[in-house]
Amino acid sequence: MKKAIVLLVIILASCSAWMRPEGSFAESLSKNVFKITLLETAEVPMASGINSTLSVESFGTAWIHRSDGNRTLLITAGHICETSTHLDYGQFGKLRVASRAYTLLDADGTKHEGVKVIFDDDEVDLCMVSVPGSIGKGLRLADKDPPYAADVTFIGAPHGIWGGNIALIFGGKFSGRGKLAKVEFSVFTLLGSAQGASGSPIFYEGRVVGVLSRVARHLPAVTFAAPWDSLRDFISRAESKL
């Protein structure tokens, strides 16, 4: 079951990074990185015989891969894109999902609806979604890992904090590669914590070198991300579904 909101680890690069001046790297990225929200409802059987509706909201970060004018393709974390017909809702047990809807929120507070899941892969924890129309420009993908201990940057949407000419810029260090359940991930040492950063693009020299996925359980400063080569392979497989 994929239903989880992963807590990812992040550090604010500097106080000045909060500002989004015209023409800055932050402004360019913040226009192409979005908060993605999933709202699900399920019917809960009650002793009275009258069902009650349970609503569950989860969120993460999505960013633009490309736009062809008629639609925009975005990447997020795989665990954000739930497709199961039945889910375990804790004390309520396993229930059938009655409805499921995704929305995107940009840095200016504009909401984009009509989001559809194109393809997701649990193993590498990546998902591609689409939204009607052109809502921004695609981010550039890396073709190699950063040097060991290189500084990296990312924009996330923790708690959906956008607006007021603010873009949340975070940073950390590239720590190499590791494996989780035989799947290769890039490893980054990042400090702090924020909910909702799952799916955030990680940048080195202006290119996406990874997509935030999960935190190491006993080492909260260690975060795993889908690496650039896994991302490129995933995009190729996802676009074959279009």
Protein backbone atom coordinates (compact mmCIF):
# COMPACT_ATOMS: atom_id res chain seq x y z
CA MET A 1 0.00 0.00 0.00
CA LYS A 2 1.38 3.39 -1.01
CA LYS A 3 -0.80 5.52 1.22
CA ALA A 4 1.67 7.54 3.23
CA ILE A 5 2.81 11.11 3.62
CA VAL A 6 6.60 10.86 3.78
CA LEU A 7 8.40 13.35 6.02
CA LEU A 8 11.42 14.64 4.11
CA VAL A 9 14.44 16.42 5.46
CA ILE A 10 15.45 19.92 4.36
CA ILE A 11 17.56 22.95 5.27
CA LEU A 12 16.92 26.60 4.46
CA ALA A 13 19.89 27.71 2.38
CA SER A 14 19.91 31.30 3.66
CA CYS A 15 17.57 34.03 4.80
CA SER A 16 18.08 35.86 1.50
CA ALA A 17 16.82 32.79 -0.36
CA TRP A 18 13.31 33.56 0.85
CA MET A 19 13.07 36.54 -1.47
CA ARG A 20 11.98 36.04 -5.07
CA PRO A 21 13.35 39.04 -7.04
CA GLU A 22 12.52 39.42 -10.71
CA GLY A 23 14.65 37.33 -13.03
CA SER A 24 16.19 35.24 -10.26
CA PHE A 25 16.82 31.49 -10.36
CA ALA A 26 14.27 31.19 -7.54
CA GLU A 27 11.59 33.01 -9.51
CA SER A 28 12.17 30.85 -12.58
CA LEU A 29 11.88 27.64 -10.58
CA SER A 30 8.99 28.69 -8.37
CA LYS A 31 6.85 29.29 -11.47
CA ASN A 32 7.35 25.68 -12.51
CA VAL A 33 7.09 23.89 -9.14
CA PHE A 34 3.67 23.23 -7.59
CA LYS A 35 1.97 21.90 -4.50
CA ILE A 36 0.00 18.79 -5.53
CA THR A 37 -2.95 17.78 -3.35
CA LEU A 38 -4.87 14.50 -3.36
CA LEU A 39 -8.35 14.46 -1.84
CA GLU A 40 -9.97 11.06 -1.35
CA THR A 41 -13.37 10.14 0.06
CA ALA A 42 -14.65 6.80 1.29
CA GLU A 43 -17.95 5.58 2.71
CA VAL A 44 -17.74 4.36 6.33
CA PRO A 45 -20.50 1.86 7.35
CA MET A 46 -22.15 2.92 10.63
CA ALA A 47 -24.12 0.87 13.16
CA SER A 48 -27.15 3.04 12.43
CA GLY A 49 -27.14 1.76 8.85
CA ILE A 50 -26.43 5.25 7.53
CA ASN A 51 -22.98 5.56 5.98
CA SER A 52 -20.66 8.39 6.91
CA THR A 53 -18.25 10.01 4.45
CA LEU A 54 -14.56 10.02 5.34
CA SER A 55 -12.30 12.55 3.60
CA VAL A 56 -8.51 12.23 3.56
CA GLU A 57 -6.18 14.86 2.11
CA SER A 58 -2.49 14.36 1.36
CA PHE A 59 -0.05 16.56 -0.51
CA GLY A 60 3.42 16.80 -1.98
CA THR A 61 5.37 18.67 -4.63
CA ALA A 62 5.16 18.39 -8.44
CA TRP A 63 7.25 20.07 -11.13
CA ILE A 64 6.96 20.54 -14.87
CA HIS A 65 8.71 18.11 -17.19
CA ARG A 66 7.37 19.61 -20.44
CA SER A 67 4.38 21.27 -22.06
CA ASP A 68 3.10 20.87 -25.62
CA GLY A 69 0.55 23.67 -25.45
CA ASN A 70 -2.48 21.42 -25.05
CA ARG A 71 -1.32 19.83 -21.81
CA THR A 72 1.48 19.99 -19.28
CA LEU A 73 3.30 16.93 -17.94
CA LEU A 74 4.60 17.03 -14.37
CA ILE A 75 6.67 14.74 -12.15
CA THR A 76 6.02 13.98 -8.47
CA ALA A 77 6.72 11.18 -5.99
CA GLY A 78 5.10 7.82 -6.71
CA HIS A 79 3.51 7.53 -3.28
CA ILE A 80 1.55 10.73 -3.95
CA CYS A 81 -0.26 9.07 -6.88
CA GLU A 82 -2.62 6.59 -5.26
CA THR A 83 -4.51 4.31 -7.66
CA SER A 84 -5.83 1.51 -5.41
CA THR A 85 -9.59 0.99 -5.31
CA HIS A 86 -9.48 0.04 -1.60
CA LEU A 87 -7.29 1.63 1.09
CA ASP A 88 -6.60 1.00 4.76
CA TYR A 89 -7.91 3.96 6.75
CA GLY A 90 -6.54 2.95 10.15
CA GLN A 91 -9.29 2.55 12.76
CA PHE A 92 -11.89 2.40 9.98
CA GLY A 93 -10.20 -0.58 8.32
CA LYS A 94 -10.03 -1.19 4.58
CA LEU A 95 -12.58 0.86 2.68
CA ARG A 96 -13.52 1.32 -0.95
CA VAL A 97 -12.46 4.71 -2.35
CA ALA A 98 -15.56 6.61 -3.48
CA SER A 99 -13.78 9.52 -5.17
CA ARG A 100 -10.26 10.76 -5.82
CA ALA A 101 -9.23 14.19 -7.11
CA TYR A 102 -5.90 15.96 -7.60
CA THR A 103 -5.25 19.70 -7.77
CA LEU A 104 -2.12 21.81 -8.34
CA LEU A 105 -1.39 25.09 -6.58
CA ASP A 106 1.26 27.43 -7.98
CA ALA A 107 3.40 30.05 -6.25
CA ASP A 108 0.87 32.81 -7.01
CA GLY A 109 -2.00 30.87 -5.42
CA THR A 110 -3.61 29.80 -8.70
CA LYS A 111 -5.33 26.40 -8.51
CA HIS A 112 -5.16 24.03 -11.50
CA GLU A 113 -7.69 21.21 -11.74
CA GLY A 114 -8.25 18.35 -14.17
CA VAL A 115 -5.06 16.60 -13.06
CA LYS A 116 -4.73 13.02 -14.32
CA VAL A 117 -2.26 10.28 -13.43
CA ILE A 118 -0.39 9.12 -16.55
CA PHE A 119 1.94 6.53 -15.02
CA ASP A 120 3.47 5.71 -11.65
CA ASP A 121 6.19 3.33 -10.52
CA ASP A 122 6.26 2.23 -6.88
CA GLU A 123 9.77 0.82 -7.16
CA VAL A 124 11.52 4.07 -8.06
CA ASP A 125 8.81 6.15 -6.34
CA LEU A 126 8.02 8.38 -9.32
CA CYS A 127 4.75 9.48 -10.92
CA MET A 128 3.84 11.49 -14.02
CA VAL A 129 0.62 13.51 -14.08
CA SER A 130 -0.91 15.82 -16.68
CA VAL A 131 -3.01 18.97 -16.50
CA PRO A 132 -4.86 20.69 -19.38
CA GLY A 133 -3.18 23.65 -21.08
CA SER A 134 0.29 25.12 -20.76
CA ILE A 135 1.06 26.23 -17.20
CA GLY A 136 4.83 26.71 -17.35
CA LYS A 137 8.14 25.54 -18.76
CA GLY A 138 9.91 22.25 -18.25
CA LEU A 139 12.92 21.98 -15.96
CA ARG A 140 16.23 20.72 -17.37
CA LEU A 141 17.39 17.22 -16.45
CA ALA A 142 20.96 16.34 -15.45
CA ASP A 143 23.02 13.76 -17.30
CA LYS A 144 25.45 12.94 -14.47
CA ASP A 145 25.70 12.89 -10.67
CA PRO A 146 27.03 15.93 -8.79
CA PRO A 147 30.55 15.61 -7.37
CA TYR A 148 30.69 14.04 -3.91
CA ALA A 149 29.77 16.59 -1.20
CA ALA A 150 28.59 19.12 -3.81
CA ASP A 151 26.00 21.69 -2.74
CA VAL A 152 22.48 21.00 -4.04
CA THR A 153 19.32 23.11 -4.00
CA PHE A 154 15.61 22.43 -4.17
CA ILE A 155 12.25 24.16 -3.98
CA GLY A 156 9.56 22.31 -2.07
CA ALA A 157 6.00 23.06 -1.03
CA PRO A 158 6.03 22.19 2.68
CA HIS A 159 2.61 23.00 4.15
CA GLY A 160 1.79 24.81 0.92
CA ILE A 161 3.63 27.95 2.06
CA TRP A 162 3.63 30.15 -1.04
CA GLY A 163 2.76 33.77 -1.75
CA GLY A 164 3.97 37.14 -0.53
CA ASN A 165 6.67 37.06 -3.22
CA ILE A 166 8.25 34.12 -1.40
CA ALA A 167 9.85 31.00 -2.82
CA LEU A 168 11.15 28.44 -0.33
CA ILE A 169 14.70 27.56 -1.36
CA PHE A 170 16.45 24.73 0.50
CA GLY A 171 19.85 23.11 0.23
CA GLY A 172 22.11 20.26 1.29
CA LYS A 173 24.96 18.00 0.16
CA PHE A 174 25.22 15.13 -2.32
CA SER A 175 26.42 12.06 -0.40
CA GLY A 176 26.62 9.46 -3.17
CA ARG A 177 24.42 6.49 -4.07
CA GLY A 178 22.83 3.73 -2.02
CA LYS A 179 20.23 0.98 -2.37
CA LEU A 180 16.84 0.39 -0.77
CA ALA A 181 15.35 -3.06 -1.45
CA LYS A 182 17.80 -3.47 -4.37
CA VAL A 183 16.66 -0.20 -5.97
CA GLU A 184 19.36 2.43 -6.47
CA PHE A 185 18.76 5.87 -4.98
CA SER A 186 20.81 9.04 -4.70
CA VAL A 187 21.57 9.98 -1.11
CA PHE A 188 21.57 13.58 0.13
CA THR A 189 22.46 14.95 3.56
CA LEU A 190 19.85 17.58 4.36
CA LEU A 191 18.89 19.21 7.65
CA GLY A 192 15.53 20.29 9.09
CA SER A 193 12.15 18.73 8.25
CA ALA A 194 9.02 19.64 6.34
CA GLN A 195 5.90 17.77 5.33
CA GLY A 196 4.86 18.05 1.70
CA ALA A 197 8.29 18.08 0.06
CA SER A 198 7.87 14.59 -1.46
CA GLY A 199 8.45 14.89 -5.21
CA SER A 200 10.57 18.04 -4.98
CA PRO A 201 13.23 18.39 -7.71
CA ILE A 202 16.83 18.56 -6.45
CA PHE A 203 19.12 20.83 -8.48
CA TYR A 204 22.82 20.93 -9.15
CA GLU A 205 24.01 23.71 -11.43
CA GLY A 206 20.44 24.39 -12.57
CA ARG A 207 19.59 20.81 -13.59
CA VAL A 208 17.43 18.20 -11.86
CA VAL A 209 19.71 15.52 -10.37
CA GLY A 210 17.08 13.79 -8.23
CA VAL A 211 13.48 13.71 -6.97
CA LEU A 212 12.90 13.63 -3.20
CA SER A 213 11.41 10.36 -2.01
CA ARG A 214 11.97 9.37 1.63
CA VAL A 215 13.99 9.87 4.80
CA ALA A 216 16.21 7.29 6.51
CA ARG A 217 14.26 6.06 9.56
CA HIS A 218 17.06 6.31 12.13
CA LEU A 219 19.12 9.02 10.40
CA PRO A 220 16.78 11.98 9.86
CA ALA A 221 19.52 14.00 8.15
CA VAL A 222 19.75 11.42 5.36
CA THR A 223 17.23 11.62 2.52
CA PHE A 224 16.82 9.33 -0.49
CA ALA A 225 15.89 10.53 -3.97
CA ALA A 226 15.28 8.93 -7.35
CA PRO A 227 18.52 9.72 -9.27
CA TRP A 228 18.69 11.47 -12.63
CA ASP A 229 19.20 8.28 -14.69
CA SER A 230 16.24 6.51 -13.05
CA LEU A 231 14.22 9.67 -13.68
CA ARG A 232 15.12 9.73 -17.38
CA ASP A 233 14.23 6.04 -17.74
CA PHE A 234 10.93 6.59 -15.92
CA ILE A 235 10.01 9.54 -18.16
CA SER A 236 10.69 7.46 -21.26
CA ARG A 237 8.39 4.70 -20.00
CA ALA A 238 5.72 7.18 -18.86
CA GLU A 239 5.63 9.01 -22.19
CA SER A 240 5.06 5.69 -23.99
CA LYS A 241 1.69 5.63 -22.18
CA LEU A 242 0.54 8.91 -23.72
